[in-house]
């Protein structure tokens, strides 16, 4: 077993010694690195889209987004209504009025 393993390793080293080595410029290496990153991102996005199509996620996502928009609109309307009813939003502080009255009684 050890002799076969040794022969196999020697053969691999011999093949490795016969290979040509190519060096890239730093710019070319950076471009290749960026290309691989872009390719991985595209693959992830493609898988994500495929899963969405398979499980019908896009329809669900649209419904969720629409519901969130409606909820935000309702919250804004409620806040506006509360501001209209709030006496503090009329430009004065109700506590100031009471404090001024209180000081005149003493």
PDB file of N, CA and C in Angstrom:
ATOM      1  N   UNK A   1       0.831  -1.193   0.000  1.00  0.00           N
ATOM      2  CA  UNK A   1       0.000   0.000   0.000  1.00  0.00           C
ATOM      3  C   UNK A   1       0.868   1.246   0.000  1.00  0.00           C
ATOM      4  N   UNK A   2       1.925   1.279   0.828  1.00  0.00           N
ATOM      5  CA  UNK A   2       2.802   2.426   0.912  1.00  0.00           C
ATOM      6  C   UNK A   2       3.562   2.669  -0.372  1.00  0.00           C
ATOM      7  N   UNK A   3       3.928   1.603  -1.070  1.00  0.00           N
ATOM      8  CA  UNK A   3       4.679   1.737  -2.331  1.00  0.00           C
ATOM      9  C   UNK A   3       3.785   2.350  -3.400  1.00  0.00           C
ATOM     10  N   UNK A   4       2.517   1.913  -3.456  1.00  0.00           N
ATOM     11  CA  UNK A   4       1.585   2.473  -4.446  1.00  0.00           C
ATOM     12  C   UNK A   4       1.335   3.956  -4.175  1.00  0.00           C
ATOM     13  N   UNK A   5       1.189   4.288  -2.920  1.00  0.00           N
ATOM     14  CA  UNK A   5       0.957   5.694  -2.546  1.00  0.00           C
ATOM     15  C   UNK A   5       2.148   6.553  -2.921  1.00  0.00           C
ATOM     16  N   UNK A   6       3.371   6.042  -2.633  1.00  0.00           N
ATOM     17  CA  UNK A   6       4.596   6.768  -2.957  1.00  0.00           C
ATOM     18  C   UNK A   6       4.708   6.974  -4.461  1.00  0.00           C
ATOM     19  N   UNK A   7       4.414   5.959  -5.254  1.00  0.00           N
ATOM     20  CA  UNK A   7       4.487   6.053  -6.713  1.00  0.00           C
ATOM     21  C   UNK A   7       3.472   7.079  -7.230  1.00  0.00           C
ATOM     22  N   UNK A   8       2.288   7.067  -6.625  1.00  0.00           N
ATOM     23  CA  UNK A   8       1.250   8.015  -7.047  1.00  0.00           C
ATOM     24  C   UNK A   8       1.685   9.454  -6.755  1.00  0.00           C
ATOM     25  N   UNK A   9       2.233   9.709  -5.586  1.00  0.00           N
ATOM     26  CA  UNK A   9       2.681  11.047  -5.213  1.00  0.00           C
ATOM     27  C   UNK A   9       3.826  11.491  -6.119  1.00  0.00           C
ATOM     28  N   UNK A  10       4.775  10.595  -6.393  1.00  0.00           N
ATOM     29  CA  UNK A  10       5.890  10.939  -7.290  1.00  0.00           C
ATOM     30  C   UNK A  10       5.374  11.297  -8.676  1.00  0.00           C
ATOM     31  N   UNK A  11       4.374  10.586  -9.150  1.00  0.00           N
ATOM     32  CA  UNK A  11       3.791  10.869 -10.466  1.00  0.00           C
ATOM     33  C   UNK A  11       3.132  12.241 -10.461  1.00  0.00           C
ATOM     34  N   UNK A  12       2.392  12.570  -9.384  1.00  0.00           N
ATOM     35  CA  UNK A  12       1.738  13.879  -9.289  1.00  0.00           C
ATOM     36  C   UNK A  12       2.765  15.012  -9.278  1.00  0.00           C
ATOM     37  N   UNK A  13       3.851  14.834  -8.540  1.00  0.00           N
ATOM     38  CA  UNK A  13       4.903  15.854  -8.513  1.00  0.00           C
ATOM     39  C   UNK A  13       5.568  16.013  -9.878  1.00  0.00           C
ATOM     40  N   UNK A  14       5.733  14.910 -10.587  1.00  0.00           N
ATOM     41  CA  UNK A  14       6.323  14.961 -11.929  1.00  0.00           C
ATOM     42  C   UNK A  14       5.410  15.748 -12.868  1.00  0.00           C
ATOM     43  N   UNK A  15       4.110  15.478 -12.803  1.00  0.00           N
ATOM     44  CA  UNK A  15       3.156  16.220 -13.639  1.00  0.00           C
ATOM     45  C   UNK A  15       3.147  17.696 -13.257  1.00  0.00           C
ATOM     46  N   UNK A  16       3.240  17.974 -11.976  1.00  0.00           N
ATOM     47  CA  UNK A  16       3.269  19.352 -11.502  1.00  0.00           C
ATOM     48  C   UNK A  16       4.511  20.071 -12.006  1.00  0.00           C
ATOM     49  N   UNK A  17       5.643  19.377 -12.044  1.00  0.00           N
ATOM     50  CA  UNK A  17       6.877  19.976 -12.536  1.00  0.00           C
ATOM     51  C   UNK A  17       6.827  20.287 -14.018  1.00  0.00           C
ATOM     52  N   UNK A  18       6.025  19.577 -14.781  1.00  0.00           N
ATOM     53  CA  UNK A  18       5.931  19.797 -16.227  1.00  0.00           C
ATOM     54  C   UNK A  18       4.927  20.892 -16.590  1.00  0.00           C
ATOM     55  N   UNK A  19       4.140  21.335 -15.625  1.00  0.00           N
ATOM     56  CA  UNK A  19       3.131  22.360 -15.913  1.00  0.00           C
ATOM     57  C   UNK A  19       3.777  23.723 -16.079  1.00  0.00           C
ATOM     58  N   UNK A  20       3.151  24.514 -16.928  1.00  0.00           N
ATOM     59  CA  UNK A  20       3.598  25.891 -17.109  1.00  0.00           C
ATOM     60  C   UNK A  20       2.882  26.781 -16.098  1.00  0.00           C
ATOM     61  N   UNK A  21       3.635  27.737 -15.587  1.00  0.00           N
ATOM     62  CA  UNK A  21       3.076  28.647 -14.601  1.00  0.00           C
ATOM     63  C   UNK A  21       2.869  29.999 -15.265  1.00  0.00           C
ATOM     64  N   UNK A  22       1.681  30.563 -15.071  1.00  0.00           N
ATOM     65  CA  UNK A  22       1.357  31.862 -15.655  1.00  0.00           C
ATOM     66  C   UNK A  22       1.073  32.833 -14.523  1.00  0.00           C
ATOM     67  N   UNK A  23       1.704  33.990 -14.587  1.00  0.00           N
ATOM     68  CA  UNK A  23       1.465  35.018 -13.582  1.00  0.00           C
ATOM     69  C   UNK A  23       0.632  36.136 -14.192  1.00  0.00           C
ATOM     70  N   UNK A  24      -0.270  36.670 -13.408  1.00  0.00           N
ATOM     71  CA  UNK A  24      -1.114  37.768 -13.849  1.00  0.00           C
ATOM     72  C   UNK A  24      -0.594  39.072 -13.262  1.00  0.00           C
ATOM     73  N   UNK A  25      -0.855  40.130 -13.963  1.00  0.00           N
ATOM     74  CA  UNK A  25      -0.543  41.440 -13.403  1.00  0.00           C
ATOM     75  C   UNK A  25      -1.530  41.711 -12.263  1.00  0.00           C
ATOM     76  N   UNK A  26      -1.174  42.571 -11.337  1.00  0.00           N
ATOM     77  CA  UNK A  26      -2.105  42.862 -10.236  1.00  0.00           C
ATOM     78  C   UNK A  26      -3.456  43.388 -10.734  1.00  0.00           C
ATOM     79  N   UNK A  27      -3.448  44.170 -11.809  1.00  0.00           N
ATOM     80  CA  UNK A  27      -4.705  44.696 -12.351  1.00  0.00           C
ATOM     81  C   UNK A  27      -5.561  43.565 -12.914  1.00  0.00           C
ATOM     82  N   UNK A  28      -4.910  42.652 -13.666  1.00  0.00           N
ATOM     83  CA  UNK A  28      -5.658  41.538 -14.253  1.00  0.00           C
ATOM     84  C   UNK A  28      -6.191  40.618 -13.155  1.00  0.00           C
ATOM     85  N   UNK A  29      -5.385  40.423 -12.119  1.00  0.00           N
ATOM     86  CA  UNK A  29      -5.826  39.579 -11.016  1.00  0.00           C
ATOM     87  C   UNK A  29      -7.011  40.206 -10.283  1.00  0.00           C
ATOM     88  N   UNK A  30      -6.968  41.535 -10.093  1.00  0.00           N
ATOM     89  CA  UNK A  30      -8.083  42.232  -9.449  1.00  0.00           C
ATOM     90  C   UNK A  30      -9.343  42.145 -10.310  1.00  0.00           C
ATOM     91  N   UNK A  31      -9.170  42.258 -11.635  1.00  0.00           N
ATOM     92  CA  UNK A  31     -10.321  42.139 -12.543  1.00  0.00           C
ATOM     93  C   UNK A  31     -10.934  40.744 -12.464  1.00  0.00           C
ATOM     94  N   UNK A  32     -10.084  39.712 -12.456  1.00  0.00           N
ATOM     95  CA  UNK A  32     -10.587  38.348 -12.347  1.00  0.00           C
ATOM     96  C   UNK A  32     -11.318  38.145 -11.025  1.00  0.00           C
ATOM     97  N   UNK A  33     -10.741  38.681  -9.967  1.00  0.00           N
ATOM     98  CA  UNK A  33     -11.364  38.555  -8.655  1.00  0.00           C
ATOM     99  C   UNK A  33     -12.736  39.222  -8.645  1.00  0.00           C
ATOM    100  N   UNK A  34     -12.826  40.414  -9.223  1.00  0.00           N
ATOM    101  CA  UNK A  34     -14.100  41.123  -9.283  1.00  0.00           C
ATOM    102  C   UNK A  34     -15.103  40.372 -10.158  1.00  0.00           C
ATOM    103  N   UNK A  35     -14.627  39.809 -11.262  1.00  0.00           N
ATOM    104  CA  UNK A  35     -15.507  39.035 -12.137  1.00  0.00           C
ATOM    105  C   UNK A  35     -16.091  37.829 -11.392  1.00  0.00           C
ATOM    106  N   UNK A  36     -15.254  37.137 -10.603  1.00  0.00           N
ATOM    107  CA  UNK A  36     -15.753  35.994  -9.841  1.00  0.00           C
ATOM    108  C   UNK A  36     -16.765  36.427  -8.788  1.00  0.00           C
ATOM    109  N   UNK A  37     -16.512  37.569  -8.141  1.00  0.00           N
ATOM    110  CA  UNK A  37     -17.470  38.072  -7.155  1.00  0.00           C
ATOM    111  C   UNK A  37     -18.802  38.407  -7.817  1.00  0.00           C
ATOM    112  N   UNK A  38     -18.731  39.073  -8.974  1.00  0.00           N
ATOM    113  CA  UNK A  38     -19.949  39.414  -9.702  1.00  0.00           C
ATOM    114  C   UNK A  38     -20.707  38.158 -10.120  1.00  0.00           C
ATOM    115  N   UNK A  39     -19.957  37.152 -10.561  1.00  0.00           N
ATOM    116  CA  UNK A  39     -20.587  35.907 -10.992  1.00  0.00           C
ATOM    117  C   UNK A  39     -21.301  35.239  -9.810  1.00  0.00           C
ATOM    118  N   UNK A  40     -20.662  35.231  -8.643  1.00  0.00           N
ATOM    119  CA  UNK A  40     -21.293  34.634  -7.468  1.00  0.00           C
ATOM    120  C   UNK A  40     -22.568  35.391  -7.083  1.00  0.00           C
ATOM    121  N   UNK A  41     -22.497  36.725  -7.142  1.00  0.00           N
ATOM    122  CA  UNK A  41     -23.690  37.518  -6.823  1.00  0.00           C
ATOM    123  C   UNK A  41     -24.823  37.241  -7.800  1.00  0.00           C
ATOM    124  N   UNK A  42     -24.479  37.123  -9.085  1.00  0.00           N
ATOM    125  CA  UNK A  42     -25.498  36.826 -10.090  1.00  0.00           C
ATOM    126  C   UNK A  42     -26.109  35.442  -9.853  1.00  0.00           C
ATOM    127  N   UNK A  43     -25.273  34.471  -9.478  1.00  0.00           N
ATOM    128  CA  UNK A  43     -25.786  33.132  -9.198  1.00  0.00           C
ATOM    129  C   UNK A  43     -26.722  33.154  -7.997  1.00  0.00           C
ATOM    130  N   UNK A  44     -26.338  33.870  -6.945  1.00  0.00           N
ATOM    131  CA  UNK A  44     -27.199  33.962  -5.763  1.00  0.00           C
ATOM    132  C   UNK A  44     -28.528  34.620  -6.108  1.00  0.00           C
ATOM    133  N   UNK A  45     -28.462  35.685  -6.890  1.00  0.00           N
ATOM    134  CA  UNK A  45     -29.693  36.373  -7.270  1.00  0.00           C
ATOM    135  C   UNK A  45     -30.571  35.470  -8.131  1.00  0.00           C
ATOM    136  N   UNK A  46     -29.948  34.719  -9.046  1.00  0.00           N
ATOM    137  CA  UNK A  46     -30.721  33.803  -9.889  1.00  0.00           C
ATOM    138  C   UNK A  46     -31.387  32.720  -9.035  1.00  0.00           C
ATOM    139  N   UNK A  47     -30.646  32.173  -8.044  1.00  0.00           N
ATOM    140  CA  UNK A  47     -31.241  31.176  -7.160  1.00  0.00           C
ATOM    141  C   UNK A  47     -32.388  31.765  -6.355  1.00  0.00           C
ATOM    142  N   UNK A  48     -32.199  32.990  -5.903  1.00  0.00           N
ATOM    143  CA  UNK A  48     -33.233  33.647  -5.106  1.00  0.00           C
ATOM    144  C   UNK A  48     -34.496  33.837  -5.944  1.00  0.00           C
ATOM    145  N   UNK A  49     -34.332  34.292  -7.183  1.00  0.00           N
ATOM    146  CA  UNK A  49     -35.474  34.485  -8.069  1.00  0.00           C
ATOM    147  C   UNK A  49     -36.164  33.152  -8.366  1.00  0.00           C
ATOM    148  N   UNK A  50     -35.369  32.107  -8.556  1.00  0.00           N
ATOM    149  CA  UNK A  50     -35.941  30.798  -8.837  1.00  0.00           C
ATOM    150  C   UNK A  50     -36.762  30.300  -7.653  1.00  0.00           C
ATOM    151  N   UNK A  51     -36.218  30.464  -6.445  1.00  0.00           N
ATOM    152  CA  UNK A  51     -36.971  30.053  -5.255  1.00  0.00           C
ATOM    153  C   UNK A  51     -38.263  30.852  -5.134  1.00  0.00           C
ATOM    154  N   UNK A  52     -38.191  32.125  -5.438  1.00  0.00           N
ATOM    155  CA  UNK A  52     -39.401  32.951  -5.363  1.00  0.00           C
ATOM    156  C   UNK A  52     -40.450  32.469  -6.355  1.00  0.00           C
ATOM    157  N   UNK A  53     -40.002  32.093  -7.553  1.00  0.00           N
ATOM    158  CA  UNK A  53     -40.947  31.600  -8.554  1.00  0.00           C
ATOM    159  C   UNK A  53     -41.528  30.246  -8.123  1.00  0.00           C
ATOM    160  N   UNK A  54     -40.694  29.389  -7.602  1.00  0.00           N
ATOM    161  CA  UNK A  54     -41.145  28.051  -7.217  1.00  0.00           C
ATOM    162  C   UNK A  54     -42.163  28.130  -6.087  1.00  0.00           C
ATOM    163  N   UNK A  55     -41.867  28.930  -5.076  1.00  0.00           N
ATOM    164  CA  UNK A  55     -42.727  28.987  -3.900  1.00  0.00           C
ATOM    165  C   UNK A  55     -43.765  30.098  -3.954  1.00  0.00           C
ATOM    166  N   UNK A  56     -43.815  30.830  -5.044  1.00  0.00           N
ATOM    167  CA  UNK A  56     -44.796  31.890  -5.175  1.00  0.00           C
ATOM    168  C   UNK A  56     -44.522  33.060  -4.259  1.00  0.00           C
ATOM    169  N   UNK A  57     -43.282  33.269  -3.932  1.00  0.00           N
ATOM    170  CA  UNK A  57     -42.909  34.306  -2.974  1.00  0.00           C
ATOM    171  C   UNK A  57     -43.171  35.699  -3.508  1.00  0.00           C
ATOM    172  N   UNK A  58     -43.013  35.903  -4.800  1.00  0.00           N
ATOM    173  CA  UNK A  58     -43.140  37.256  -5.344  1.00  0.00           C
ATOM    174  C   UNK A  58     -44.545  37.811  -5.104  1.00  0.00           C
ATOM    175  N   UNK A  59     -45.578  36.979  -5.253  1.00  0.00           N
ATOM    176  CA  UNK A  59     -46.937  37.436  -4.998  1.00  0.00           C
ATOM    177  C   UNK A  59     -47.124  37.767  -3.518  1.00  0.00           C
ATOM    178  N   UNK A  60     -46.590  36.907  -2.673  1.00  0.00           N
ATOM    179  CA  UNK A  60     -46.695  37.154  -1.240  1.00  0.00           C
ATOM    180  C   UNK A  60     -45.951  38.426  -0.862  1.00  0.00           C
ATOM    181  N   UNK A  61     -44.773  38.601  -1.443  1.00  0.00           N
ATOM    182  CA  UNK A  61     -43.972  39.784  -1.137  1.00  0.00           C
ATOM    183  C   UNK A  61     -44.695  41.050  -1.572  1.00  0.00           C
ATOM    184  N   UNK A  62     -45.317  41.012  -2.735  1.00  0.00           N
ATOM    185  CA  UNK A  62     -46.074  42.177  -3.199  1.00  0.00           C
ATOM    186  C   UNK A  62     -47.218  42.498  -2.246  1.00  0.00           C
ATOM    187  N   UNK A  63     -47.919  41.470  -1.800  1.00  0.00           N
ATOM    188  CA  UNK A  63     -49.023  41.681  -0.866  1.00  0.00           C
ATOM    189  C   UNK A  63     -48.517  42.269   0.448  1.00  0.00           C
ATOM    190  N   UNK A  64     -47.401  41.763   0.931  1.00  0.00           N
ATOM    191  CA  UNK A  64     -46.837  42.271   2.185  1.00  0.00           C
ATOM    192  C   UNK A  64     -46.429  43.733   2.031  1.00  0.00           C
ATOM    193  N   UNK A  65     -45.784  44.067   0.920  1.00  0.00           N
ATOM    194  CA  UNK A  65     -45.354  45.445   0.696  1.00  0.00           C
ATOM    195  C   UNK A  65     -46.560  46.384   0.590  1.00  0.00           C
ATOM    196  N   UNK A  66     -47.595  45.948  -0.114  1.00  0.00           N
ATOM    197  CA  UNK A  66     -48.798  46.774  -0.232  1.00  0.00           C
ATOM    198  C   UNK A  66     -49.447  46.994   1.129  1.00  0.00           C
ATOM    199  N   UNK A  67     -49.501  45.941   1.934  1.00  0.00           N
ATOM    200  CA  UNK A  67     -50.087  46.061   3.264  1.00  0.00           C
ATOM    201  C   UNK A  67     -49.269  47.007   4.131  1.00  0.00           C
ATOM    202  N   UNK A  68     -47.951  46.931   4.023  1.00  0.00           N
ATOM    203  CA  UNK A  68     -47.084  47.825   4.798  1.00  0.00           C
ATOM    204  C   UNK A  68     -47.290  49.276   4.375  1.00  0.00           C
ATOM    205  N   UNK A  69     -47.452  49.506   3.076  1.00  0.00           N
ATOM    206  CA  UNK A  69     -47.713  50.870   2.589  1.00  0.00           C
ATOM    207  C   UNK A  69     -49.028  51.393   3.156  1.00  0.00           C
ATOM    208  N   UNK A  70     -50.046  50.557   3.116  1.00  0.00           N
ATOM    209  CA  UNK A  70     -51.351  50.965   3.645  1.00  0.00           C
ATOM    210  C   UNK A  70     -51.255  51.264   5.140  1.00  0.00           C
ATOM    211  N   UNK A  71     -50.529  50.429   5.871  1.00  0.00           N
ATOM    212  CA  UNK A  71     -50.365  50.650   7.310  1.00  0.00           C
ATOM    213  C   UNK A  71     -49.643  51.963   7.584  1.00  0.00           C
ATOM    214  N   UNK A  72     -48.597  52.240   6.796  1.00  0.00           N
ATOM    215  CA  UNK A  72     -47.865  53.497   6.978  1.00  0.00           C
ATOM    216  C   UNK A  72     -48.752  54.702   6.682  1.00  0.00           C
ATOM    217  N   UNK A  73     -49.559  54.600   5.625  1.00  0.00           N
ATOM    218  CA  UNK A  73     -50.468  55.699   5.294  1.00  0.00           C
ATOM    219  C   UNK A  73     -51.472  55.932   6.417  1.00  0.00           C
ATOM    220  N   UNK A  74     -52.005  54.835   6.974  1.00  0.00           N
ATOM    221  CA  UNK A  74     -52.960  54.964   8.075  1.00  0.00           C
ATOM    222  C   UNK A  74     -52.299  55.599   9.291  1.00  0.00           C
ATOM    223  N   UNK A  75     -51.073  55.177   9.587  1.00  0.00           N
ATOM    224  CA  UNK A  75     -50.351  55.740  10.735  1.00  0.00           C
ATOM    225  C   UNK A  75     -50.110  57.243  10.540  1.00  0.00           C
ATOM    226  N   UNK A  76     -49.755  57.637   9.331  1.00  0.00           N
ATOM    227  CA  UNK A  76     -49.541  59.060   9.046  1.00  0.00           C
ATOM    228  C   UNK A  76     -50.825  59.856   9.233  1.00  0.00           C
ATOM    229  N   UNK A  77     -51.937  59.301   8.757  1.00  0.00           N
ATOM    230  CA  UNK A  77     -53.212  59.989   8.910  1.00  0.00           C
ATOM    231  C   UNK A  77     -53.578  60.128  10.385  1.00  0.00           C
ATOM    232  N   UNK A  78     -53.355  59.083  11.154  1.00  0.00           N
ATOM    233  CA  UNK A  78     -53.663  59.137  12.585  1.00  0.00           C
ATOM    234  C   UNK A  78     -52.788  60.171  13.278  1.00  0.00           C
ATOM    235  N   UNK A  79     -51.506  60.217  12.935  1.00  0.00           N
ATOM    236  CA  UNK A  79     -50.600  61.197  13.532  1.00  0.00           C
ATOM    237  C   UNK A  79     -51.034  62.618  13.191  1.00  0.00           C
ATOM    238  N   UNK A  80     -51.438  62.832  11.940  1.00  0.00           N
ATOM    239  CA  UNK A  80     -51.891  64.167  11.533  1.00  0.00           C
ATOM    240  C   UNK A  80     -53.149  64.561  12.298  1.00  0.00           C
ATOM    241  N   UNK A  81     -54.062  63.617  12.460  1.00  0.00           N
ATOM    242  CA  UNK A  81     -55.283  63.905  13.201  1.00  0.00           C
ATOM    243  C   UNK A  81     -54.968  64.210  14.659  1.00  0.00           C
ATOM    244  N   UNK A  82     -54.036  63.470  15.247  1.00  0.00           N
ATOM    245  CA  UNK A  82     -53.663  63.712  16.631  1.00  0.00           C
ATOM    246  C   UNK A  82     -52.985  65.068  16.791  1.00  0.00           C
ATOM    247  N   UNK A  83     -52.188  65.467  15.828  1.00  0.00           N
ATOM    248  CA  UNK A  83     -51.538  66.774  15.890  1.00  0.00           C
ATOM    249  C   UNK A  83     -52.568  67.893  15.809  1.00  0.00           C
ATOM    250  N   UNK A  84     -53.602  67.693  14.998  1.00  0.00           N
ATOM    251  CA  UNK A  84     -54.650  68.698  14.884  1.00  0.00           C
ATOM    252  C   UNK A  84     -55.423  68.841  16.189  1.00  0.00           C
ATOM    253  N   UNK A  85     -55.587  67.738  16.915  1.00  0.00           N
ATOM    254  CA  UNK A  85     -56.350  67.762  18.156  1.00  0.00           C
ATOM    255  C   UNK A  85     -55.498  68.127  19.374  1.00  0.00           C
ATOM    256  N   UNK A  86     -54.217  68.035  19.266  1.00  0.00           N
ATOM    257  CA  UNK A  86     -53.320  68.274  20.391  1.00  0.00           C
ATOM    258  C   UNK A  86     -53.163  69.775  20.634  1.00  0.00           C
ATOM    259  N   UNK A  87     -53.509  70.298  21.824  1.00  0.00           N
ATOM    260  CA  UNK A  87     -53.393  71.734  22.078  1.00  0.00           C
ATOM    261  C   UNK A  87     -51.941  72.198  22.098  1.00  0.00           C
ATOM    262  N   UNK A  88     -51.018  71.307  22.366  1.00  0.00           N
ATOM    263  CA  UNK A  88     -49.611  71.692  22.367  1.00  0.00           C
ATOM    264  C   UNK A  88     -49.109  72.023  20.975  1.00  0.00           C
ATOM    265  N   UNK A  89     -49.757  71.498  19.969  1.00  0.00           N
ATOM    266  CA  UNK A  89     -49.313  71.761  18.608  1.00  0.00           C
ATOM    267  C   UNK A  89     -49.847  73.092  18.085  1.00  0.00           C
ATOM    268  N   UNK A  90     -50.607  73.820  18.875  1.00  0.00           N
ATOM    269  CA  UNK A  90     -51.145  75.102  18.430  1.00  0.00           C
ATOM    270  C   UNK A  90     -50.163  76.242  18.624  1.00  0.00           C
ATOM    271  N   UNK A  91     -48.979  75.924  19.037  1.00  0.00           N
ATOM    272  CA  UNK A  91     -47.975  76.964  19.148  1.00  0.00           C
ATOM    273  C   UNK A  91     -47.639  77.323  20.574  1.00  0.00           C
ATOM    274  N   UNK A  92     -48.368  76.856  21.514  1.00  0.00           N
ATOM    275  CA  UNK A  92     -48.074  77.174  22.905  1.00  0.00           C
ATOM    276  C   UNK A  92     -48.026  75.920  23.725  1.00  0.00           C
ATOM    277  N   UNK A  93     -47.500  76.026  24.902  1.00  0.00           N
ATOM    278  CA  UNK A  93     -47.442  74.898  25.806  1.00  0.00           C
ATOM    279  C   UNK A  93     -48.489  75.106  26.885  1.00  0.00           C
ATOM    280  N   UNK A  94     -49.363  74.141  27.067  1.00  0.00           N
ATOM    281  CA  UNK A  94     -50.456  74.294  28.031  1.00  0.00           C
ATOM    282  C   UNK A  94     -49.914  74.439  29.445  1.00  0.00           C
ATOM    283  N   UNK A  95     -48.759  73.883  29.719  1.00  0.00           N
ATOM    284  CA  UNK A  95     -48.170  74.017  31.046  1.00  0.00           C
ATOM    285  C   UNK A  95     -47.766  75.461  31.326  1.00  0.00           C
ATOM    286  N   UNK A  96     -47.331  76.168  30.313  1.00  0.00           N
ATOM    287  CA  UNK A  96     -46.952  77.570  30.493  1.00  0.00           C
ATOM    288  C   UNK A  96     -48.161  78.399  30.910  1.00  0.00           C
ATOM    289  N   UNK A  97     -49.304  78.118  30.343  1.00  0.00           N
ATOM    290  CA  UNK A  97     -50.511  78.870  30.669  1.00  0.00           C
ATOM    291  C   UNK A  97     -50.872  78.660  32.129  1.00  0.00           C
ATOM    292  N   UNK A  98     -50.826  77.409  32.590  1.00  0.00           N
ATOM    293  CA  UNK A  98     -51.165  77.116  33.978  1.00  0.00           C
ATOM    294  C   UNK A  98     -50.135  77.712  34.935  1.00  0.00           C
ATOM    295  N   UNK A  99     -48.887  77.684  34.542  1.00  0.00           N
ATOM    296  CA  UNK A  99     -47.834  78.234  35.417  1.00  0.00           C
ATOM    297  C   UNK A  99     -47.997  79.736  35.566  1.00  0.00           C
ATOM    298  N   UNK A 100     -48.373  80.409  34.491  1.00  0.00           N
ATOM    299  CA  UNK A 100     -48.563  81.857  34.563  1.00  0.00           C
ATOM    300  C   UNK A 100     -49.755  82.209  35.437  1.00  0.00           C
ATOM    301  N   UNK A 101     -50.822  81.451  35.324  1.00  0.00           N
ATOM    302  CA  UNK A 101     -51.999  81.707  36.138  1.00  0.00           C
ATOM    303  C   UNK A 101     -51.693  81.461  37.604  1.00  0.00           C
ATOM    304  N   UNK A 102     -50.956  80.383  37.848  1.00  0.00           N
ATOM    305  CA  UNK A 102     -50.648  80.038  39.228  1.00  0.00           C
ATOM    306  C   UNK A 102     -49.825  81.114  39.920  1.00  0.00           C
ATOM    307  N   UNK A 103     -48.945  81.759  39.187  1.00  0.00           N
ATOM    308  CA  UNK A 103     -48.088  82.759  39.821  1.00  0.00           C
ATOM    309  C   UNK A 103     -48.882  84.024  40.165  1.00  0.00           C
ATOM    310  N   UNK A 104     -49.989  84.287  39.449  1.00  0.00           N
ATOM    311  CA  UNK A 104     -50.755  85.481  39.736  1.00  0.00           C
ATOM    312  C   UNK A 104     -51.600  85.314  40.986  1.00  0.00           C
ATOM    313  N   UNK A 105     -51.877  84.098  41.402  1.00  0.00           N
ATOM    314  CA  UNK A 105     -52.689  83.870  42.594  1.00  0.00           C
ATOM    315  C   UNK A 105     -51.888  84.042  43.879  1.00  0.00           C
ATOM    316  N   UNK A 106     -50.593  83.964  43.827  1.00  0.00           N
ATOM    317  CA  UNK A 106     -49.785  84.081  45.033  1.00  0.00           C
ATOM    318  C   UNK A 106     -49.466  85.487  45.373  1.00  0.00           C
TER     319      UNK A 106
END
